[in-house]
Amino acid sequence: MNLDPALLAIIVCPHDHGTLLEVADELVCQTCKLAYPVRDDIPVLLVDEARQS
């Protein structure tokens, strides 16, 4: 995954505003543990697209 560090510094989990961490090809919220997919280096921050990690 090739996400810009500046982008990662400003995006948060849309569910609970928790911090997102890069894990494989997903962004995982530290608080609620929802995992959001990253498709073509674009984070898909939709709660309906997330899975529980």
N, C-alpha and C. Protein backbone atom coordinates (compact mmCIF):
# COMPACT_ATOMS: atom_id res chain seq x y z
N MET A 1 0.86 -1.17 0.00
CA MET A 1 0.00 0.00 0.00
C MET A 1 0.91 1.23 0.00
N ASN A 2 0.53 2.21 -0.78
CA ASN A 2 1.34 3.41 -0.95
C ASN A 2 0.58 4.67 -0.57
N LEU A 3 0.12 4.75 0.66
CA LEU A 3 -0.62 5.93 1.09
C LEU A 3 0.33 7.02 1.58
N ASP A 4 0.03 8.24 1.22
CA ASP A 4 0.82 9.39 1.63
C ASP A 4 0.73 9.57 3.15
N PRO A 5 1.84 9.68 3.84
CA PRO A 5 1.82 9.88 5.30
C PRO A 5 1.01 11.11 5.72
N ALA A 6 1.00 12.16 4.89
CA ALA A 6 0.21 13.36 5.22
C ALA A 6 -1.28 13.03 5.21
N LEU A 7 -1.70 12.16 4.30
CA LEU A 7 -3.10 11.73 4.26
C LEU A 7 -3.44 10.92 5.50
N LEU A 8 -2.58 10.00 5.86
CA LEU A 8 -2.82 9.17 7.05
C LEU A 8 -2.89 10.00 8.32
N ALA A 9 -2.21 11.12 8.33
CA ALA A 9 -2.19 11.98 9.52
C ALA A 9 -3.53 12.70 9.73
N ILE A 10 -4.33 12.84 8.66
CA ILE A 10 -5.56 13.62 8.81
C ILE A 10 -6.84 12.80 8.73
N ILE A 11 -6.79 11.56 8.21
CA ILE A 11 -8.02 10.78 8.12
C ILE A 11 -8.24 9.99 9.42
N VAL A 12 -9.50 9.83 9.76
CA VAL A 12 -9.88 9.08 10.96
C VAL A 12 -11.02 8.14 10.61
N CYS A 13 -11.32 7.24 11.50
CA CYS A 13 -12.42 6.30 11.33
C CYS A 13 -13.74 7.07 11.27
N PRO A 14 -14.56 6.83 10.24
CA PRO A 14 -15.84 7.55 10.15
C PRO A 14 -16.85 7.08 11.19
N HIS A 15 -16.62 5.91 11.77
CA HIS A 15 -17.55 5.38 12.77
C HIS A 15 -17.38 6.05 14.13
N ASP A 16 -16.12 6.16 14.59
CA ASP A 16 -15.90 6.69 15.95
C ASP A 16 -14.75 7.70 16.05
N HIS A 17 -14.22 8.10 14.91
CA HIS A 17 -13.13 9.08 14.84
C HIS A 17 -11.82 8.58 15.46
N GLY A 18 -11.66 7.26 15.51
CA GLY A 18 -10.43 6.67 16.04
C GLY A 18 -9.29 6.76 15.03
N THR A 19 -8.08 6.51 15.50
CA THR A 19 -6.88 6.53 14.67
C THR A 19 -6.85 5.29 13.78
N LEU A 20 -6.48 5.48 12.52
CA LEU A 20 -6.39 4.38 11.57
C LEU A 20 -4.94 3.97 11.38
N LEU A 21 -4.70 2.67 11.37
CA LEU A 21 -3.36 2.12 11.15
C LEU A 21 -3.36 1.28 9.88
N GLU A 22 -2.26 1.34 9.13
CA GLU A 22 -2.11 0.50 7.94
C GLU A 22 -1.82 -0.93 8.37
N VAL A 23 -2.64 -1.86 7.90
CA VAL A 23 -2.42 -3.29 8.14
C VAL A 23 -2.72 -4.00 6.83
N ALA A 24 -1.67 -4.55 6.21
CA ALA A 24 -1.79 -5.20 4.90
C ALA A 24 -2.41 -4.22 3.91
N ASP A 25 -3.53 -4.58 3.31
CA ASP A 25 -4.20 -3.70 2.34
C ASP A 25 -5.44 -3.06 2.93
N GLU A 26 -5.40 -2.78 4.22
CA GLU A 26 -6.55 -2.19 4.91
C GLU A 26 -6.07 -1.11 5.87
N LEU A 27 -7.03 -0.30 6.29
CA LEU A 27 -6.81 0.64 7.39
C LEU A 27 -7.69 0.18 8.53
N VAL A 28 -7.09 -0.08 9.68
CA VAL A 28 -7.81 -0.63 10.83
C VAL A 28 -7.87 0.42 11.93
N CYS A 29 -9.08 0.64 12.45
CA CYS A 29 -9.29 1.59 13.54
C CYS A 29 -8.77 0.99 14.84
N GLN A 30 -7.98 1.76 15.58
CA GLN A 30 -7.46 1.29 16.86
C GLN A 30 -8.54 1.16 17.90
N THR A 31 -9.62 1.91 17.79
CA THR A 31 -10.67 1.93 18.81
C THR A 31 -11.73 0.85 18.58
N CYS A 32 -12.41 0.91 17.43
CA CYS A 32 -13.53 0.00 17.19
C CYS A 32 -13.13 -1.25 16.42
N LYS A 33 -11.91 -1.29 15.90
CA LYS A 33 -11.36 -2.44 15.18
C LYS A 33 -12.02 -2.71 13.83
N LEU A 34 -12.73 -1.71 13.27
CA LEU A 34 -13.26 -1.86 11.91
C LEU A 34 -12.10 -1.74 10.93
N ALA A 35 -12.11 -2.59 9.91
CA ALA A 35 -11.06 -2.57 8.88
C ALA A 35 -11.66 -2.07 7.58
N TYR A 36 -11.08 -1.01 7.05
CA TYR A 36 -11.55 -0.39 5.82
C TYR A 36 -10.64 -0.78 4.67
N PRO A 37 -11.20 -1.17 3.53
CA PRO A 37 -10.35 -1.57 2.41
C PRO A 37 -9.66 -0.37 1.76
N VAL A 38 -8.54 -0.66 1.11
CA VAL A 38 -7.85 0.33 0.30
C VAL A 38 -7.80 -0.25 -1.11
N ARG A 39 -8.42 0.46 -2.05
CA ARG A 39 -8.48 -0.03 -3.44
C ARG A 39 -7.75 0.96 -4.34
N ASP A 40 -6.77 0.45 -5.07
CA ASP A 40 -5.96 1.29 -5.96
C ASP A 40 -5.37 2.50 -5.22
N ASP A 41 -4.86 2.24 -4.02
CA ASP A 41 -4.26 3.27 -3.16
C ASP A 41 -5.23 4.36 -2.74
N ILE A 42 -6.53 4.04 -2.72
CA ILE A 42 -7.56 4.97 -2.27
C ILE A 42 -8.32 4.34 -1.11
N PRO A 43 -8.26 4.94 0.09
CA PRO A 43 -9.00 4.39 1.23
C PRO A 43 -10.51 4.51 0.99
N VAL A 44 -11.22 3.42 1.24
CA VAL A 44 -12.68 3.41 1.11
C VAL A 44 -13.24 3.48 2.53
N LEU A 45 -13.49 4.68 3.01
CA LEU A 45 -13.89 4.90 4.40
C LEU A 45 -15.41 4.94 4.53
N LEU A 46 -16.04 3.86 4.13
CA LEU A 46 -17.48 3.70 4.25
C LEU A 46 -17.75 2.61 5.27
N VAL A 47 -18.54 2.91 6.28
CA VAL A 47 -18.83 1.93 7.33
C VAL A 47 -19.46 0.68 6.73
N ASP A 48 -20.29 0.84 5.72
CA ASP A 48 -20.92 -0.33 5.07
C ASP A 48 -19.93 -1.23 4.36
N GLU A 49 -18.76 -0.70 3.99
CA GLU A 49 -17.72 -1.48 3.31
C GLU A 49 -16.72 -2.08 4.30
N ALA A 50 -16.77 -1.67 5.54
CA ALA A 50 -15.81 -2.12 6.55
C ALA A 50 -16.17 -3.52 7.06
N ARG A 51 -15.16 -4.18 7.60
CA ARG A 51 -15.39 -5.48 8.25
C ARG A 51 -14.79 -5.42 9.65
N GLN A 52 -15.31 -6.23 10.53
CA GLN A 52 -14.77 -6.29 11.90
C GLN A 52 -13.49 -7.10 11.86
N SER A 53 -12.41 -6.53 12.36
CA SER A 53 -11.12 -7.25 12.34
C SER A 53 -10.89 -7.99 13.63
